[in-house]
Amino acid sequence: MPILLVSRIYCPRGCAQTGTVIGSVVYHQLSALCRAAVHAGRLNNAGGTVTLVATGNFADFGASMANGIQSVT
C-alpha cells in the first residue's frame, strides 16, 4: 500500500469531545482527526501532536467503541 501523505497535526485540549469518527484502526478521511486519534489510543483528551499517514482507498470502515468514543461505519 503506497503512502500518499505524511503530516504532523496539533490537536488542542478537549479534542475528543466533538466530531464523528468513521472506522476503527483505519479511519475515513471525513473523520474528526483528533477524535480519531483518541479513539485509536494515540492521544488523550489533553491534546498533543499526532502523525497522519494517508495510504489510499479503503471501502470497509468497521465501527467500534474505544477509549470512550463510539465510531461509526
Protein backbone atom coordinates (compact mmCIF):
# COMPACT_ATOMS: atom_id res chain seq x y z
CA MET A 1 0.00 0.00 0.00
CA PRO A 2 1.63 3.29 -1.05
CA ILE A 3 1.93 6.18 1.39
CA LEU A 4 0.34 9.25 -0.16
CA LEU A 5 0.82 11.82 2.61
CA VAL A 6 2.50 12.14 6.00
CA SER A 7 1.71 15.17 8.12
CA ARG A 8 2.09 16.18 11.79
CA ILE A 9 -1.13 17.60 13.25
CA TYR A 10 -1.58 19.51 16.52
CA CYS A 11 -4.73 18.59 18.44
CA PRO A 12 -5.99 21.01 21.12
CA ARG A 13 -7.15 20.14 24.64
CA GLY A 14 -10.72 18.80 24.59
CA CYS A 15 -10.46 17.44 21.05
CA ALA A 16 -12.21 14.18 21.96
CA GLN A 17 -15.48 15.97 22.66
CA THR A 18 -16.80 16.67 19.16
CA GLY A 19 -16.88 15.24 15.68
CA THR A 20 -17.65 11.93 14.03
CA VAL A 21 -15.16 9.07 13.86
CA ILE A 22 -15.65 6.75 10.90
CA GLY A 23 -13.82 3.44 11.11
CA SER A 24 -11.59 1.59 13.52
CA VAL A 25 -7.83 1.08 13.09
CA VAL A 26 -8.20 2.55 9.58
CA TYR A 27 -10.22 5.79 9.57
CA HIS A 28 -12.17 7.51 6.80
CA GLN A 29 -10.85 10.87 5.57
CA LEU A 30 -14.03 12.59 6.82
CA SER A 31 -13.36 11.52 10.42
CA ALA A 32 -12.62 14.16 13.03
CA LEU A 33 -8.86 13.63 13.00
CA CYS A 34 -8.03 14.41 16.62
CA ARG A 35 -11.03 12.49 17.96
CA ALA A 36 -10.00 9.51 15.80
CA ALA A 37 -6.51 9.71 17.34
CA VAL A 38 -8.07 9.49 20.82
CA HIS A 39 -10.24 6.55 19.66
CA ALA A 40 -7.07 4.82 18.40
CA GLY A 41 -5.26 5.42 21.71
CA ARG A 42 -2.60 7.63 20.12
CA LEU A 43 -3.66 10.70 22.08
CA ASN A 44 -5.79 11.64 25.07
CA ASN A 45 -8.24 14.49 25.58
CA ALA A 46 -5.40 16.71 26.85
CA GLY A 47 -4.32 17.14 23.21
CA GLY A 48 -0.91 16.89 21.61
CA THR A 49 0.65 16.11 18.26
CA VAL A 50 -0.20 13.13 16.06
CA THR A 51 1.12 11.93 12.72
CA LEU A 52 -1.38 11.50 9.90
CA VAL A 53 -0.46 8.85 7.32
CA ALA A 54 -2.73 8.72 4.26
CA THR A 55 -2.33 5.41 2.46
CA GLY A 56 -5.01 5.13 -0.19
CA ASN A 57 -8.54 3.92 -0.76
CA PHE A 58 -10.47 1.65 1.57
CA ALA A 59 -14.09 0.59 1.23
CA ASP A 60 -14.74 -1.02 4.62
CA PHE A 61 -14.63 1.04 7.79
CA GLY A 62 -15.78 -1.01 10.77
CA ALA A 63 -17.21 0.62 13.89
CA SER A 64 -16.04 0.07 17.47
CA MET A 65 -16.06 1.54 20.96
CA ALA A 66 -12.59 2.52 22.17
CA ASN A 67 -11.29 4.97 24.76
CA GLY A 68 -14.80 6.24 25.45
CA ILE A 69 -15.56 7.04 21.80
CA GLN A 70 -18.02 5.13 19.60
CA SER A 71 -17.03 5.15 15.93
CA VAL A 72 -19.45 4.51 13.06
CA THR A 73 -19.24 2.67 9.74
